[in-house]
Amino acid sequence: MSNVLFLRRGFGLTQDYVAKELGISRPTLSKKENNQLDWTKSEMEKLSNIFKKFNKKYTIEEIFFSNNFAISEFND
């Protein structure tokens, strides 16, 4: 599972909501979450800002380039 998918689900965000915020379709978001399409820099920045509303510690590096997420991440 990608970090984006993990965080989106963990924060209780729907694909429809996130796709609308990013200005992409829900099917495109699904492909990006499943690593079938690459993220643009703009999408990474927007998504990082969405997740920071729930937890300010997440950086683009942690969201898109780290594999160290665990369930405990939501308890901080």
PDB file of N, CA and C in Angstrom:
ATOM      1  N   MET A   1       0.853  -1.177   0.000  1.00  0.00           N
ATOM      2  CA  MET A   1       0.000   0.000   0.000  1.00  0.00           C
ATOM      3  C   MET A   1       0.896   1.237   0.000  1.00  0.00           C
ATOM      4  N   SER A   2       0.582   2.191  -0.848  1.00  0.00           N
ATOM      5  CA  SER A   2       1.379   3.413  -0.913  1.00  0.00           C
ATOM      6  C   SER A   2       1.125   4.282   0.320  1.00  0.00           C
ATOM      7  N   ASN A   3       2.093   5.141   0.629  1.00  0.00           N
ATOM      8  CA  ASN A   3       1.935   6.065   1.753  1.00  0.00           C
ATOM      9  C   ASN A   3       0.734   6.976   1.553  1.00  0.00           C
ATOM     10  N   VAL A   4       0.521   7.407   0.326  1.00  0.00           N
ATOM     11  CA  VAL A   4      -0.612   8.300   0.042  1.00  0.00           C
ATOM     12  C   VAL A   4      -1.926   7.600   0.360  1.00  0.00           C
ATOM     13  N   LEU A   5      -2.070   6.388  -0.110  1.00  0.00           N
ATOM     14  CA  LEU A   5      -3.292   5.623   0.154  1.00  0.00           C
ATOM     15  C   LEU A   5      -3.448   5.373   1.653  1.00  0.00           C
ATOM     16  N   PHE A   6      -2.357   5.006   2.316  1.00  0.00           N
ATOM     17  CA  PHE A   6      -2.363   4.758   3.753  1.00  0.00           C
ATOM     18  C   PHE A   6      -2.831   5.992   4.514  1.00  0.00           C
ATOM     19  N   LEU A   7      -2.245   7.142   4.189  1.00  0.00           N
ATOM     20  CA  LEU A   7      -2.614   8.375   4.880  1.00  0.00           C
ATOM     21  C   LEU A   7      -4.029   8.815   4.549  1.00  0.00           C
ATOM     22  N   ARG A   8      -4.395   8.743   3.290  1.00  0.00           N
ATOM     23  CA  ARG A   8      -5.750   9.170   2.909  1.00  0.00           C
ATOM     24  C   ARG A   8      -6.786   8.371   3.687  1.00  0.00           C
ATOM     25  N   ARG A   9      -6.617   7.062   3.706  1.00  0.00           N
ATOM     26  CA  ARG A   9      -7.558   6.217   4.442  1.00  0.00           C
ATOM     27  C   ARG A   9      -7.483   6.479   5.948  1.00  0.00           C
ATOM     28  N   GLY A  10      -6.259   6.644   6.447  1.00  0.00           N
ATOM     29  CA  GLY A  10      -6.078   6.882   7.881  1.00  0.00           C
ATOM     30  C   GLY A  10      -6.730   8.172   8.347  1.00  0.00           C
ATOM     31  N   PHE A  11      -6.720   9.184   7.514  1.00  0.00           N
ATOM     32  CA  PHE A  11      -7.354  10.453   7.857  1.00  0.00           C
ATOM     33  C   PHE A  11      -8.837  10.467   7.490  1.00  0.00           C
ATOM     34  N   GLY A  12      -9.337   9.374   6.922  1.00  0.00           N
ATOM     35  CA  GLY A  12     -10.756   9.262   6.598  1.00  0.00           C
ATOM     36  C   GLY A  12     -11.186  10.107   5.416  1.00  0.00           C
ATOM     37  N   LEU A  13     -10.266  10.373   4.496  1.00  0.00           N
ATOM     38  CA  LEU A  13     -10.584  11.188   3.317  1.00  0.00           C
ATOM     39  C   LEU A  13     -11.022  10.300   2.164  1.00  0.00           C
ATOM     40  N   THR A  14     -12.038  10.724   1.448  1.00  0.00           N
ATOM     41  CA  THR A  14     -12.505   9.953   0.303  1.00  0.00           C
ATOM     42  C   THR A  14     -11.665  10.263  -0.927  1.00  0.00           C
ATOM     43  N   GLN A  15     -11.669   9.331  -1.867  1.00  0.00           N
ATOM     44  CA  GLN A  15     -10.996   9.585  -3.136  1.00  0.00           C
ATOM     45  C   GLN A  15     -11.643  10.765  -3.849  1.00  0.00           C
ATOM     46  N   ASP A  16     -12.956  10.861  -3.784  1.00  0.00           N
ATOM     47  CA  ASP A  16     -13.648  11.970  -4.444  1.00  0.00           C
ATOM     48  C   ASP A  16     -13.169  13.321  -3.904  1.00  0.00           C
ATOM     49  N   TYR A  17     -13.055  13.433  -2.587  1.00  0.00           N
ATOM     50  CA  TYR A  17     -12.609  14.683  -1.969  1.00  0.00           C
ATOM     51  C   TYR A  17     -11.191  15.026  -2.412  1.00  0.00           C
ATOM     52  N   VAL A  18     -10.267  14.069  -2.275  1.00  0.00           N
ATOM     53  CA  VAL A  18      -8.866  14.328  -2.602  1.00  0.00           C
ATOM     54  C   VAL A  18      -8.701  14.624  -4.089  1.00  0.00           C
ATOM     55  N   ALA A  19      -9.367  13.865  -4.938  1.00  0.00           N
ATOM     56  CA  ALA A  19      -9.272  14.099  -6.378  1.00  0.00           C
ATOM     57  C   ALA A  19      -9.750  15.510  -6.720  1.00  0.00           C
ATOM     58  N   LYS A  20     -10.840  15.932  -6.124  1.00  0.00           N
ATOM     59  CA  LYS A  20     -11.370  17.274  -6.384  1.00  0.00           C
ATOM     60  C   LYS A  20     -10.373  18.334  -5.936  1.00  0.00           C
ATOM     61  N   GLU A  21      -9.780  18.156  -4.761  1.00  0.00           N
ATOM     62  CA  GLU A  21      -8.797  19.109  -4.254  1.00  0.00           C
ATOM     63  C   GLU A  21      -7.558  19.189  -5.151  1.00  0.00           C
ATOM     64  N   LEU A  22      -7.193  18.059  -5.761  1.00  0.00           N
ATOM     65  CA  LEU A  22      -6.022  18.022  -6.630  1.00  0.00           C
ATOM     66  C   LEU A  22      -6.339  18.434  -8.061  1.00  0.00           C
ATOM     67  N   GLY A  23      -7.624  18.488  -8.395  1.00  0.00           N
ATOM     68  CA  GLY A  23      -8.021  18.837  -9.751  1.00  0.00           C
ATOM     69  C   GLY A  23      -7.828  17.705 -10.749  1.00  0.00           C
ATOM     70  N   ILE A  24      -7.981  16.467 -10.257  1.00  0.00           N
ATOM     71  CA  ILE A  24      -7.858  15.284 -11.113  1.00  0.00           C
ATOM     72  C   ILE A  24      -9.090  14.412 -10.925  1.00  0.00           C
ATOM     73  N   SER A  25      -9.252  13.426 -11.783  1.00  0.00           N
ATOM     74  CA  SER A  25     -10.399  12.522 -11.655  1.00  0.00           C
ATOM     75  C   SER A  25     -10.120  11.462 -10.584  1.00  0.00           C
ATOM     76  N   ARG A  26     -11.179  10.875 -10.065  1.00  0.00           N
ATOM     77  CA  ARG A  26     -11.035   9.808  -9.079  1.00  0.00           C
ATOM     78  C   ARG A  26     -10.275   8.621  -9.655  1.00  0.00           C
ATOM     79  N   PRO A  27     -10.565   8.179 -10.905  1.00  0.00           N
ATOM     80  CA  PRO A  27      -9.779   7.072 -11.473  1.00  0.00           C
ATOM     81  C   PRO A  27      -8.285   7.403 -11.599  1.00  0.00           C
ATOM     82  N   THR A  28      -7.970   8.654 -11.924  1.00  0.00           N
ATOM     83  CA  THR A  28      -6.564   9.053 -12.005  1.00  0.00           C
ATOM     84  C   THR A  28      -5.917   8.999 -10.622  1.00  0.00           C
ATOM     85  N   LEU A  29      -6.617   9.463  -9.597  1.00  0.00           N
ATOM     86  CA  LEU A  29      -6.098   9.386  -8.232  1.00  0.00           C
ATOM     87  C   LEU A  29      -5.837   7.936  -7.852  1.00  0.00           C
ATOM     88  N   SER A  30      -6.770   7.066  -8.168  1.00  0.00           N
ATOM     89  CA  SER A  30      -6.605   5.648  -7.850  1.00  0.00           C
ATOM     90  C   SER A  30      -5.333   5.083  -8.492  1.00  0.00           C
ATOM     91  N   LYS A  31      -5.101   5.446  -9.742  1.00  0.00           N
ATOM     92  CA  LYS A  31      -3.888   4.962 -10.430  1.00  0.00           C
ATOM     93  C   LYS A  31      -2.630   5.520  -9.781  1.00  0.00           C
ATOM     94  N   LYS A  32      -2.674   6.769  -9.355  1.00  0.00           N
ATOM     95  CA  LYS A  32      -1.517   7.369  -8.701  1.00  0.00           C
ATOM     96  C   LYS A  32      -1.287   6.723  -7.338  1.00  0.00           C
ATOM     97  N   GLU A  33      -2.356   6.471  -6.592  1.00  0.00           N
ATOM     98  CA  GLU A  33      -2.227   5.820  -5.288  1.00  0.00           C
ATOM     99  C   GLU A  33      -1.653   4.409  -5.410  1.00  0.00           C
ATOM    100  N   ASN A  34      -1.904   3.770  -6.513  1.00  0.00           N
ATOM    101  CA  ASN A  34      -1.431   2.402  -6.733  1.00  0.00           C
ATOM    102  C   ASN A  34      -0.164   2.343  -7.585  1.00  0.00           C
ATOM    103  N   ASN A  35       0.512   3.493  -7.672  1.00  0.00           N
ATOM    104  CA  ASN A  35       1.801   3.595  -8.363  1.00  0.00           C
ATOM    105  C   ASN A  35       1.742   3.206  -9.838  1.00  0.00           C
ATOM    106  N   GLN A  36       0.594   3.420 -10.469  1.00  0.00           N
ATOM    107  CA  GLN A  36       0.457   3.166 -11.903  1.00  0.00           C
ATOM    108  C   GLN A  36       0.703   4.440 -12.715  1.00  0.00           C
ATOM    109  N   LEU A  37       0.616   5.588 -12.052  1.00  0.00           N
ATOM    110  CA  LEU A  37       0.919   6.889 -12.660  1.00  0.00           C
ATOM    111  C   LEU A  37       1.775   7.679 -11.681  1.00  0.00           C
ATOM    112  N   ASP A  38       2.650   8.527 -12.204  1.00  0.00           N
ATOM    113  CA  ASP A  38       3.503   9.362 -11.361  1.00  0.00           C
ATOM    114  C   ASP A  38       2.760  10.609 -10.894  1.00  0.00           C
ATOM    115  N   TRP A  39       3.181  11.115  -9.742  1.00  0.00           N
ATOM    116  CA  TRP A  39       2.654  12.357  -9.201  1.00  0.00           C
ATOM    117  C   TRP A  39       3.418  13.536  -9.790  1.00  0.00           C
ATOM    118  N   THR A  40       2.715  14.632 -10.054  1.00  0.00           N
ATOM    119  CA  THR A  40       3.400  15.855 -10.465  1.00  0.00           C
ATOM    120  C   THR A  40       3.855  16.598  -9.200  1.00  0.00           C
ATOM    121  N   LYS A  41       4.787  17.503  -9.373  1.00  0.00           N
ATOM    122  CA  LYS A  41       5.262  18.290  -8.236  1.00  0.00           C
ATOM    123  C   LYS A  41       4.104  19.071  -7.616  1.00  0.00           C
ATOM    124  N   SER A  42       3.262  19.650  -8.451  1.00  0.00           N
ATOM    125  CA  SER A  42       2.113  20.417  -7.968  1.00  0.00           C
ATOM    126  C   SER A  42       1.164  19.538  -7.152  1.00  0.00           C
ATOM    127  N   GLU A  43       0.901  18.335  -7.630  1.00  0.00           N
ATOM    128  CA  GLU A  43       0.025  17.407  -6.897  1.00  0.00           C
ATOM    129  C   GLU A  43       0.637  17.023  -5.557  1.00  0.00           C
ATOM    130  N   MET A  44       1.954  16.810  -5.545  1.00  0.00           N
ATOM    131  CA  MET A  44       2.634  16.470  -4.290  1.00  0.00           C
ATOM    132  C   MET A  44       2.494  17.602  -3.274  1.00  0.00           C
ATOM    133  N   GLU A  45       2.664  18.825  -3.734  1.00  0.00           N
ATOM    134  CA  GLU A  45       2.549  19.976  -2.842  1.00  0.00           C
ATOM    135  C   GLU A  45       1.122  20.118  -2.304  1.00  0.00           C
ATOM    136  N   LYS A  46       0.138  19.996  -3.188  1.00  0.00           N
ATOM    137  CA  LYS A  46      -1.260  20.114  -2.767  1.00  0.00           C
ATOM    138  C   LYS A  46      -1.628  19.009  -1.783  1.00  0.00           C
ATOM    139  N   LEU A  47      -1.213  17.790  -2.071  1.00  0.00           N
ATOM    140  CA  LEU A  47      -1.547  16.667  -1.199  1.00  0.00           C
ATOM    141  C   LEU A  47      -0.861  16.808   0.153  1.00  0.00           C
ATOM    142  N   SER A  48       0.370  17.255   0.147  1.00  0.00           N
ATOM    143  CA  SER A  48       1.082  17.500   1.397  1.00  0.00           C
ATOM    144  C   SER A  48       0.323  18.511   2.246  1.00  0.00           C
ATOM    145  N   ASN A  49      -0.175  19.565   1.628  1.00  0.00           N
ATOM    146  CA  ASN A  49      -0.945  20.576   2.359  1.00  0.00           C
ATOM    147  C   ASN A  49      -2.256  20.012   2.900  1.00  0.00           C
ATOM    148  N   ILE A  50      -2.894  19.125   2.158  1.00  0.00           N
ATOM    149  CA  ILE A  50      -4.127  18.487   2.638  1.00  0.00           C
ATOM    150  C   ILE A  50      -3.817  17.662   3.888  1.00  0.00           C
ATOM    151  N   PHE A  51      -2.768  16.847   3.828  1.00  0.00           N
ATOM    152  CA  PHE A  51      -2.427  15.987   4.968  1.00  0.00           C
ATOM    153  C   PHE A  51      -1.957  16.801   6.169  1.00  0.00           C
ATOM    154  N   LYS A  52      -1.317  17.933   5.923  1.00  0.00           N
ATOM    155  CA  LYS A  52      -0.840  18.777   7.030  1.00  0.00           C
ATOM    156  C   LYS A  52      -1.994  19.369   7.837  1.00  0.00           C
ATOM    157  N   LYS A  53      -3.180  19.419   7.266  1.00  0.00           N
ATOM    158  CA  LYS A  53      -4.349  19.870   8.018  1.00  0.00           C
ATOM    159  C   LYS A  53      -4.645  18.909   9.161  1.00  0.00           C
ATOM    160  N   PHE A  54      -4.240  17.651   9.002  1.00  0.00           N
ATOM    161  CA  PHE A  54      -4.503  16.625   9.996  1.00  0.00           C
ATOM    162  C   PHE A  54      -3.294  16.347  10.877  1.00  0.00           C
ATOM    163  N   ASN A  55      -2.095  16.498  10.316  1.00  0.00           N
ATOM    164  CA  ASN A  55      -0.869  16.283  11.071  1.00  0.00           C
ATOM    165  C   ASN A  55       0.235  17.080  10.390  1.00  0.00           C
ATOM    166  N   LYS A  56       0.703  18.127  11.048  1.00  0.00           N
ATOM    167  CA  LYS A  56       1.654  19.065  10.448  1.00  0.00           C
ATOM    168  C   LYS A  56       3.033  18.474  10.182  1.00  0.00           C
ATOM    169  N   LYS A  57       3.316  17.301  10.700  1.00  0.00           N
ATOM    170  CA  LYS A  57       4.670  16.752  10.575  1.00  0.00           C
ATOM    171  C   LYS A  57       4.983  16.147   9.205  1.00  0.00           C
ATOM    172  N   TYR A  58       3.977  15.854   8.395  1.00  0.00           N
ATOM    173  CA  TYR A  58       4.235  15.164   7.135  1.00  0.00           C
ATOM    174  C   TYR A  58       4.800  16.086   6.071  1.00  0.00           C
ATOM    175  N   THR A  59       5.950  15.688   5.545  1.00  0.00           N
ATOM    176  CA  THR A  59       6.599  16.427   4.474  1.00  0.00           C
ATOM    177  C   THR A  59       6.422  15.659   3.169  1.00  0.00           C
ATOM    178  N   ILE A  60       6.709  16.310   2.064  1.00  0.00           N
ATOM    179  CA  ILE A  60       6.652  15.630   0.767  1.00  0.00           C
ATOM    180  C   ILE A  60       7.579  14.424   0.782  1.00  0.00           C
ATOM    181  N   GLU A  61       8.755  14.584   1.380  1.00  0.00           N
ATOM    182  CA  GLU A  61       9.723  13.477   1.462  1.00  0.00           C
ATOM    183  C   GLU A  61       9.114  12.275   2.184  1.00  0.00           C
ATOM    184  N   GLU A  62       8.491  12.514   3.329  1.00  0.00           N
ATOM    185  CA  GLU A  62       7.899  11.420   4.096  1.00  0.00           C
ATOM    186  C   GLU A  62       6.719  10.779   3.369  1.00  0.00           C
ATOM    187  N   ILE A  63       5.913  11.591   2.731  1.00  0.00           N
ATOM    188  CA  ILE A  63       4.712  11.080   2.070  1.00  0.00           C
ATOM    189  C   ILE A  63       5.056  10.278   0.825  1.00  0.00           C
ATOM    190  N   PHE A  64       5.965  10.799   0.011  1.00  0.00           N
ATOM    191  CA  PHE A  64       6.192  10.198  -1.294  1.00  0.00           C
ATOM    192  C   PHE A  64       7.463   9.353  -1.415  1.00  0.00           C
ATOM    193  N   PHE A  65       8.405   9.524  -0.500  1.00  0.00           N
ATOM    194  CA  PHE A  65       9.688   8.840  -0.680  1.00  0.00           C
ATOM    195  C   PHE A  65      10.130   8.001   0.511  1.00  0.00           C
ATOM    196  N   SER A  66       9.251   7.793   1.481  1.00  0.00           N
ATOM    197  CA  SER A  66       9.592   7.009   2.662  1.00  0.00           C
ATOM    198  C   SER A  66       8.724   5.768   2.729  1.00  0.00           C
ATOM    199  N   ASN A  67       9.280   4.709   3.262  1.00  0.00           N
ATOM    200  CA  ASN A  67       8.516   3.462   3.441  1.00  0.00           C
ATOM    201  C   ASN A  67       8.426   3.089   4.906  1.00  0.00           C
ATOM    202  N   ASN A  68       8.462   4.068   5.795  1.00  0.00           N
ATOM    203  CA  ASN A  68       8.527   3.791   7.225  1.00  0.00           C
ATOM    204  C   ASN A  68       7.236   4.101   7.983  1.00  0.00           C
ATOM    205  N   PHE A  69       6.104   4.052   7.322  1.00  0.00           N
ATOM    206  CA  PHE A  69       4.848   4.347   7.984  1.00  0.00           C
ATOM    207  C   PHE A  69       4.387   3.146   8.797  1.00  0.00           C
ATOM    208  N   ALA A  70       3.709   3.447   9.885  1.00  0.00           N
ATOM    209  CA  ALA A  70       3.123   2.404  10.724  1.00  0.00           C
ATOM    210  C   ALA A  70       1.823   2.944  11.302  1.00  0.00           C
ATOM    211  N   ILE A  71       1.018   2.054  11.805  1.00  0.00           N
ATOM    212  CA  ILE A  71      -0.276   2.454  12.391  1.00  0.00           C
ATOM    213  C   ILE A  71      -0.069   3.500  13.475  1.00  0.00           C
ATOM    214  N   SER A  72       1.015   3.416  14.230  1.00  0.00           N
ATOM    215  CA  SER A  72       1.257   4.363  15.317  1.00  0.00           C
ATOM    216  C   SER A  72       1.419   5.786  14.826  1.00  0.00           C
ATOM    217  N   GLU A  73       1.649   5.999  13.530  1.00  0.00           N
ATOM    218  CA  GLU A  73       1.806   7.343  12.988  1.00  0.00           C
ATOM    219  C   GLU A  73       0.593   8.224  13.309  1.00  0.00           C
ATOM    220  N   PHE A  74      -0.576   7.630  13.440  1.00  0.00           N
ATOM    221  CA  PHE A  74      -1.783   8.423  13.657  1.00  0.00           C
ATOM    222  C   PHE A  74      -1.990   8.753  15.121  1.00  0.00           C
ATOM    223  N   ASN A  75      -1.176   8.213  15.998  1.00  0.00           N
ATOM    224  CA  ASN A  75      -1.334   8.454  17.431  1.00  0.00           C
ATOM    225  C   ASN A  75      -0.430   9.554  17.952  1.00  0.00           C
ATOM    226  N   ASP A  76       0.393  10.144  17.093  1.00  0.00           N
ATOM    227  CA  ASP A  76       1.333  11.185  17.534  1.00  0.00           C
ATOM    228  C   ASP A  76       0.628  12.495  17.778  1.00  0.00           C
TER     229      ASP A  76
END
